[in-house]
């Protein structure tokens, strides 16, 4: 969750490269955890996917953002 929260903060500070890196790191971590325990971690995968999609859309990368909607 720290990576996701840091990504949100960096996005708010207009540091998009760093924010994107932390969103992707959070997503990778949660996907691995969800493989072992889907019931506990799939909701967090969805939350980070949603945050990443919103972030990418704000950057004008709407096609890429679509891939993360509902992942």
PDB file of N, CA and C in Angstrom:
ATOM      1  N   UNK A   1       0.823  -1.184   0.000  1.00  0.00           N
ATOM      2  CA  UNK A   1       0.000   0.000   0.000  1.00  0.00           C
ATOM      3  C   UNK A   1       0.869   1.250   0.000  1.00  0.00           C
ATOM      4  N   UNK A   2       2.060   1.148   0.587  1.00  0.00           N
ATOM      5  CA  UNK A   2       2.949   2.311   0.628  1.00  0.00           C
ATOM      6  C   UNK A   2       3.315   2.770  -0.781  1.00  0.00           C
ATOM      7  N   UNK A   3       3.565   1.834  -1.679  1.00  0.00           N
ATOM      8  CA  UNK A   3       3.912   2.208  -3.065  1.00  0.00           C
ATOM      9  C   UNK A   3       2.749   2.932  -3.733  1.00  0.00           C
ATOM     10  N   UNK A   4       1.542   2.448  -3.545  1.00  0.00           N
ATOM     11  CA  UNK A   4       0.363   3.087  -4.122  1.00  0.00           C
ATOM     12  C   UNK A   4       0.180   4.493  -3.550  1.00  0.00           C
ATOM     13  N   UNK A   5       0.317   4.626  -2.230  1.00  0.00           N
ATOM     14  CA  UNK A   5       0.149   5.932  -1.598  1.00  0.00           C
ATOM     15  C   UNK A   5       1.233   6.907  -2.039  1.00  0.00           C
ATOM     16  N   UNK A   6       2.458   6.419  -2.153  1.00  0.00           N
ATOM     17  CA  UNK A   6       3.541   7.275  -2.617  1.00  0.00           C
ATOM     18  C   UNK A   6       3.299   7.704  -4.062  1.00  0.00           C
ATOM     19  N   UNK A   7       2.803   6.796  -4.879  1.00  0.00           N
ATOM     20  CA  UNK A   7       2.477   7.142  -6.266  1.00  0.00           C
ATOM     21  C   UNK A   7       1.425   8.245  -6.312  1.00  0.00           C
ATOM     22  N   UNK A   8       0.409   8.137  -5.478  1.00  0.00           N
ATOM     23  CA  UNK A   8      -0.627   9.185  -5.424  1.00  0.00           C
ATOM     24  C   UNK A   8      -0.017  10.532  -5.054  1.00  0.00           C
ATOM     25  N   UNK A   9       0.863  10.520  -4.072  1.00  0.00           N
ATOM     26  CA  UNK A   9       1.509  11.759  -3.643  1.00  0.00           C
ATOM     27  C   UNK A   9       2.372  12.344  -4.760  1.00  0.00           C
ATOM     28  N   UNK A  10       3.170  11.511  -5.399  1.00  0.00           N
ATOM     29  CA  UNK A  10       4.030  11.983  -6.479  1.00  0.00           C
ATOM     30  C   UNK A  10       3.216  12.515  -7.657  1.00  0.00           C
ATOM     31  N   UNK A  11       2.104  11.875  -7.940  1.00  0.00           N
ATOM     32  CA  UNK A  11       1.229  12.364  -9.005  1.00  0.00           C
ATOM     33  C   UNK A  11       0.705  13.759  -8.650  1.00  0.00           C
ATOM     34  N   UNK A  12       0.311  13.947  -7.396  1.00  0.00           N
ATOM     35  CA  UNK A  12      -0.175  15.257  -6.942  1.00  0.00           C
ATOM     36  C   UNK A  12       0.918  16.319  -7.000  1.00  0.00           C
ATOM     37  N   UNK A  13       2.169  15.901  -6.848  1.00  0.00           N
ATOM     38  CA  UNK A  13       3.309  16.821  -6.888  1.00  0.00           C
ATOM     39  C   UNK A  13       3.833  17.034  -8.304  1.00  0.00           C
ATOM     40  N   UNK A  14       3.090  16.503  -9.281  1.00  0.00           N
ATOM     41  CA  UNK A  14       3.464  16.641 -10.691  1.00  0.00           C
ATOM     42  C   UNK A  14       4.829  16.009 -10.988  1.00  0.00           C
ATOM     43  N   UNK A  15       5.012  14.810 -10.469  1.00  0.00           N
ATOM     44  CA  UNK A  15       6.221  14.029 -10.736  1.00  0.00           C
ATOM     45  C   UNK A  15       5.784  12.709 -11.376  1.00  0.00           C
ATOM     46  N   UNK A  16       5.294  12.786 -12.616  1.00  0.00           N
ATOM     47  CA  UNK A  16       4.631  11.643 -13.246  1.00  0.00           C
ATOM     48  C   UNK A  16       5.528  10.420 -13.470  1.00  0.00           C
ATOM     49  N   UNK A  17       6.779  10.620 -13.821  1.00  0.00           N
ATOM     50  CA  UNK A  17       7.639   9.456 -14.064  1.00  0.00           C
ATOM     51  C   UNK A  17       7.812   8.625 -12.804  1.00  0.00           C
ATOM     52  N   UNK A  18       8.044   9.299 -11.704  1.00  0.00           N
ATOM     53  CA  UNK A  18       8.209   8.596 -10.432  1.00  0.00           C
ATOM     54  C   UNK A  18       6.884   7.964  -9.994  1.00  0.00           C
ATOM     55  N   UNK A  19       5.804   8.699 -10.163  1.00  0.00           N
ATOM     56  CA  UNK A  19       4.491   8.173  -9.774  1.00  0.00           C
ATOM     57  C   UNK A  19       4.171   6.899 -10.543  1.00  0.00           C
ATOM     58  N   UNK A  20       4.371   6.927 -11.836  1.00  0.00           N
ATOM     59  CA  UNK A  20       4.069   5.743 -12.644  1.00  0.00           C
ATOM     60  C   UNK A  20       4.888   4.544 -12.196  1.00  0.00           C
ATOM     61  N   UNK A  21       6.135   4.766 -11.893  1.00  0.00           N
ATOM     62  CA  UNK A  21       7.001   3.681 -11.441  1.00  0.00           C
ATOM     63  C   UNK A  21       6.461   3.039 -10.165  1.00  0.00           C
ATOM     64  N   UNK A  22       6.002   3.854  -9.225  1.00  0.00           N
ATOM     65  CA  UNK A  22       5.472   3.312  -7.976  1.00  0.00           C
ATOM     66  C   UNK A  22       4.117   2.642  -8.160  1.00  0.00           C
ATOM     67  N   UNK A  23       3.269   3.165  -9.057  1.00  0.00           N
ATOM     68  CA  UNK A  23       2.012   2.466  -9.346  1.00  0.00           C
ATOM     69  C   UNK A  23       2.300   1.079  -9.907  1.00  0.00           C
ATOM     70  N   UNK A  24       3.226   1.005 -10.833  1.00  0.00           N
ATOM     71  CA  UNK A  24       3.546  -0.281 -11.452  1.00  0.00           C
ATOM     72  C   UNK A  24       4.180  -1.244 -10.447  1.00  0.00           C
ATOM     73  N   UNK A  25       5.004  -0.719  -9.552  1.00  0.00           N
ATOM     74  CA  UNK A  25       5.595  -1.570  -8.517  1.00  0.00           C
ATOM     75  C   UNK A  25       4.511  -2.118  -7.589  1.00  0.00           C
ATOM     76  N   UNK A  26       3.586  -1.257  -7.183  1.00  0.00           N
ATOM     77  CA  UNK A  26       2.482  -1.694  -6.326  1.00  0.00           C
ATOM     78  C   UNK A  26       1.657  -2.764  -7.019  1.00  0.00           C
ATOM     79  N   UNK A  27       1.384  -2.561  -8.292  1.00  0.00           N
ATOM     80  CA  UNK A  27       0.589  -3.527  -9.042  1.00  0.00           C
ATOM     81  C   UNK A  27       1.300  -4.877  -9.131  1.00  0.00           C
ATOM     82  N   UNK A  28       2.587  -4.850  -9.384  1.00  0.00           N
ATOM     83  CA  UNK A  28       3.362  -6.094  -9.469  1.00  0.00           C
ATOM     84  C   UNK A  28       3.340  -6.849  -8.133  1.00  0.00           C
ATOM     85  N   UNK A  29       3.542  -6.122  -7.057  1.00  0.00           N
ATOM     86  CA  UNK A  29       3.534  -6.742  -5.724  1.00  0.00           C
ATOM     87  C   UNK A  29       2.172  -7.346  -5.414  1.00  0.00           C
ATOM     88  N   UNK A  30       1.106  -6.578  -5.635  1.00  0.00           N
ATOM     89  CA  UNK A  30      -0.234  -7.083  -5.318  1.00  0.00           C
ATOM     90  C   UNK A  30      -0.642  -8.252  -6.212  1.00  0.00           C
ATOM     91  N   UNK A  31      -0.218  -8.238  -7.458  1.00  0.00           N
ATOM     92  CA  UNK A  31      -0.546  -9.377  -8.332  1.00  0.00           C
ATOM     93  C   UNK A  31       0.120 -10.656  -7.830  1.00  0.00           C
ATOM     94  N   UNK A  32       1.358 -10.543  -7.374  1.00  0.00           N
ATOM     95  CA  UNK A  32       2.038 -11.730  -6.816  1.00  0.00           C
ATOM     96  C   UNK A  32       1.320 -12.209  -5.566  1.00  0.00           C
ATOM     97  N   UNK A  33       0.951 -11.287  -4.698  1.00  0.00           N
ATOM     98  CA  UNK A  33       0.228 -11.655  -3.483  1.00  0.00           C
ATOM     99  C   UNK A  33      -1.132 -12.257  -3.814  1.00  0.00           C
ATOM    100  N   UNK A  34      -1.792 -11.725  -4.831  1.00  0.00           N
ATOM    101  CA  UNK A  34      -3.112 -12.240  -5.231  1.00  0.00           C
ATOM    102  C   UNK A  34      -3.019 -13.648  -5.793  1.00  0.00           C
ATOM    103  N   UNK A  35      -1.891 -13.989  -6.395  1.00  0.00           N
ATOM    104  CA  UNK A  35      -1.717 -15.364  -6.871  1.00  0.00           C
ATOM    105  C   UNK A  35      -1.783 -16.348  -5.709  1.00  0.00           C
ATOM    106  N   UNK A  36      -1.226 -15.951  -4.579  1.00  0.00           N
ATOM    107  CA  UNK A  36      -1.216 -16.827  -3.404  1.00  0.00           C
ATOM    108  C   UNK A  36      -2.495 -16.736  -2.583  1.00  0.00           C
ATOM    109  N   UNK A  37      -3.110 -15.566  -2.572  1.00  0.00           N
ATOM    110  CA  UNK A  37      -4.299 -15.360  -1.747  1.00  0.00           C
ATOM    111  C   UNK A  37      -5.248 -14.389  -2.450  1.00  0.00           C
ATOM    112  N   UNK A  38      -5.963 -14.873  -3.466  1.00  0.00           N
ATOM    113  CA  UNK A  38      -6.808 -13.992  -4.279  1.00  0.00           C
ATOM    114  C   UNK A  38      -7.876 -13.246  -3.483  1.00  0.00           C
ATOM    115  N   UNK A  39      -8.485 -13.916  -2.547  1.00  0.00           N
ATOM    116  CA  UNK A  39      -9.577 -13.284  -1.805  1.00  0.00           C
ATOM    117  C   UNK A  39      -9.087 -12.053  -1.037  1.00  0.00           C
ATOM    118  N   UNK A  40      -7.894 -12.112  -0.524  1.00  0.00           N
ATOM    119  CA  UNK A  40      -7.365 -11.000   0.265  1.00  0.00           C
ATOM    120  C   UNK A  40      -6.811  -9.873  -0.607  1.00  0.00           C
ATOM    121  N   UNK A  41      -6.230 -10.226  -1.759  1.00  0.00           N
ATOM    122  CA  UNK A  41      -5.462  -9.233  -2.499  1.00  0.00           C
ATOM    123  C   UNK A  41      -6.058  -8.777  -3.830  1.00  0.00           C
ATOM    124  N   UNK A  42      -7.011  -9.499  -4.386  1.00  0.00           N
ATOM    125  CA  UNK A  42      -7.611  -9.044  -5.646  1.00  0.00           C
ATOM    126  C   UNK A  42      -8.241  -7.650  -5.520  1.00  0.00           C
ATOM    127  N   UNK A  43      -8.901  -7.333  -4.402  1.00  0.00           N
ATOM    128  CA  UNK A  43      -9.449  -5.972  -4.287  1.00  0.00           C
ATOM    129  C   UNK A  43      -8.352  -4.895  -4.336  1.00  0.00           C
ATOM    130  N   UNK A  44      -7.191  -5.207  -3.824  1.00  0.00           N
ATOM    131  CA  UNK A  44      -6.102  -4.237  -3.854  1.00  0.00           C
ATOM    132  C   UNK A  44      -5.493  -4.134  -5.246  1.00  0.00           C
ATOM    133  N   UNK A  45      -5.462  -5.245  -5.972  1.00  0.00           N
ATOM    134  CA  UNK A  45      -5.041  -5.192  -7.381  1.00  0.00           C
ATOM    135  C   UNK A  45      -5.976  -4.259  -8.135  1.00  0.00           C
ATOM    136  N   UNK A  46      -7.263  -4.423  -7.911  1.00  0.00           N
ATOM    137  CA  UNK A  46      -8.254  -3.589  -8.593  1.00  0.00           C
ATOM    138  C   UNK A  46      -8.088  -2.112  -8.232  1.00  0.00           C
ATOM    139  N   UNK A  47      -7.800  -1.835  -6.977  1.00  0.00           N
ATOM    140  CA  UNK A  47      -7.627  -0.446  -6.542  1.00  0.00           C
ATOM    141  C   UNK A  47      -6.436   0.206  -7.241  1.00  0.00           C
ATOM    142  N   UNK A  48      -5.313  -0.501  -7.295  1.00  0.00           N
ATOM    143  CA  UNK A  48      -4.128   0.057  -7.948  1.00  0.00           C
ATOM    144  C   UNK A  48      -4.361   0.181  -9.451  1.00  0.00           C
ATOM    145  N   UNK A  49      -5.017  -0.801 -10.052  1.00  0.00           N
ATOM    146  CA  UNK A  49      -5.338  -0.702 -11.482  1.00  0.00           C
ATOM    147  C   UNK A  49      -6.169   0.539 -11.757  1.00  0.00           C
ATOM    148  N   UNK A  50      -7.149   0.772 -10.925  1.00  0.00           N
ATOM    149  CA  UNK A  50      -7.999   1.945 -11.091  1.00  0.00           C
ATOM    150  C   UNK A  50      -7.185   3.232 -10.947  1.00  0.00           C
ATOM    151  N   UNK A  51      -6.343   3.295  -9.927  1.00  0.00           N
ATOM    152  CA  UNK A  51      -5.509   4.485  -9.734  1.00  0.00           C
ATOM    153  C   UNK A  51      -4.583   4.709 -10.924  1.00  0.00           C
ATOM    154  N   UNK A  52      -3.989   3.638 -11.417  1.00  0.00           N
ATOM    155  CA  UNK A  52      -3.086   3.752 -12.561  1.00  0.00           C
ATOM    156  C   UNK A  52      -3.853   4.198 -13.803  1.00  0.00           C
ATOM    157  N   UNK A  53      -5.040   3.669 -14.007  1.00  0.00           N
ATOM    158  CA  UNK A  53      -5.852   4.061 -15.163  1.00  0.00           C
ATOM    159  C   UNK A  53      -6.209   5.547 -15.106  1.00  0.00           C
ATOM    160  N   UNK A  54      -6.621   6.019 -13.954  1.00  0.00           N
ATOM    161  CA  UNK A  54      -6.951   7.440 -13.795  1.00  0.00           C
ATOM    162  C   UNK A  54      -5.721   8.293 -14.056  1.00  0.00           C
ATOM    163  N   UNK A  55      -4.602   7.891 -13.500  1.00  0.00           N
ATOM    164  CA  UNK A  55      -3.349   8.615 -13.667  1.00  0.00           C
ATOM    165  C   UNK A  55      -2.964   8.697 -15.142  1.00  0.00           C
ATOM    166  N   UNK A  56      -2.983   7.563 -15.838  1.00  0.00           N
ATOM    167  CA  UNK A  56      -2.609   7.545 -17.250  1.00  0.00           C
ATOM    168  C   UNK A  56      -3.567   8.381 -18.085  1.00  0.00           C
ATOM    169  N   UNK A  57      -4.834   8.326 -17.757  1.00  0.00           N
ATOM    170  CA  UNK A  57      -5.823   9.133 -18.482  1.00  0.00           C
ATOM    171  C   UNK A  57      -5.541  10.622 -18.320  1.00  0.00           C
ATOM    172  N   UNK A  58      -5.172  11.033 -17.122  1.00  0.00           N
ATOM    173  CA  UNK A  58      -4.843  12.445 -16.877  1.00  0.00           C
ATOM    174  C   UNK A  58      -3.615  12.881 -17.675  1.00  0.00           C
ATOM    175  N   UNK A  59      -2.737  11.928 -17.980  1.00  0.00           N
ATOM    176  CA  UNK A  59      -1.552  12.231 -18.777  1.00  0.00           C
ATOM    177  C   UNK A  59      -1.844  12.215 -20.274  1.00  0.00           C
ATOM    178  N   UNK A  60      -3.098  11.935 -20.627  1.00  0.00           N
ATOM    179  CA  UNK A  60      -3.469  11.887 -22.037  1.00  0.00           C
ATOM    180  C   UNK A  60      -3.155  10.555 -22.695  1.00  0.00           C
ATOM    181  N   UNK A  61      -2.958   9.542 -21.897  1.00  0.00           N
ATOM    182  CA  UNK A  61      -2.626   8.206 -22.403  1.00  0.00           C
ATOM    183  C   UNK A  61      -3.843   7.292 -22.229  1.00  0.00           C
ATOM    184  N   UNK A  62      -4.955   7.719 -22.825  1.00  0.00           N
ATOM    185  CA  UNK A  62      -6.236   7.048 -22.592  1.00  0.00           C
ATOM    186  C   UNK A  62      -6.271   5.617 -23.115  1.00  0.00           C
ATOM    187  N   UNK A  63      -5.625   5.350 -24.236  1.00  0.00           N
ATOM    188  CA  UNK A  63      -5.623   3.968 -24.746  1.00  0.00           C
ATOM    189  C   UNK A  63      -4.927   3.035 -23.770  1.00  0.00           C
ATOM    190  N   UNK A  64      -3.799   3.477 -23.241  1.00  0.00           N
ATOM    191  CA  UNK A  64      -3.088   2.667 -22.253  1.00  0.00           C
ATOM    192  C   UNK A  64      -3.905   2.544 -20.970  1.00  0.00           C
ATOM    193  N   UNK A  65      -4.566   3.615 -20.584  1.00  0.00           N
ATOM    194  CA  UNK A  65      -5.382   3.602 -19.372  1.00  0.00           C
ATOM    195  C   UNK A  65      -6.483   2.562 -19.457  1.00  0.00           C
ATOM    196  N   UNK A  66      -7.061   2.392 -20.655  1.00  0.00           N
ATOM    197  CA  UNK A  66      -8.156   1.420 -20.851  1.00  0.00           C
ATOM    198  C   UNK A  66      -7.731   0.004 -20.469  1.00  0.00           C
ATOM    199  N   UNK A  67      -6.478  -0.323 -20.655  1.00  0.00           N
ATOM    200  CA  UNK A  67      -5.999  -1.665 -20.322  1.00  0.00           C
ATOM    201  C   UNK A  67      -6.049  -1.944 -18.818  1.00  0.00           C
ATOM    202  N   UNK A  68      -6.062  -0.896 -18.020  1.00  0.00           N
ATOM    203  CA  UNK A  68      -6.059  -1.067 -16.575  1.00  0.00           C
ATOM    204  C   UNK A  68      -7.426  -0.907 -15.931  1.00  0.00           C
ATOM    205  N   UNK A  69      -8.419  -0.563 -16.707  1.00  0.00           N
ATOM    206  CA  UNK A  69      -9.773  -0.470 -16.175  1.00  0.00           C
ATOM    207  C   UNK A  69     -10.307  -1.879 -15.967  1.00  0.00           C
ATOM    208  N   UNK A  70     -10.629  -2.180 -14.727  1.00  0.00           N
ATOM    209  CA  UNK A  70     -11.209  -3.474 -14.413  1.00  0.00           C
ATOM    210  C   UNK A  70     -10.252  -4.643 -14.527  1.00  0.00           C
ATOM    211  N   UNK A  71      -8.960  -4.399 -14.350  1.00  0.00           N
ATOM    212  CA  UNK A  71      -8.007  -5.516 -14.497  1.00  0.00           C
ATOM    213  C   UNK A  71      -7.987  -6.415 -13.283  1.00  0.00           C
TER     214      UNK A  71
END
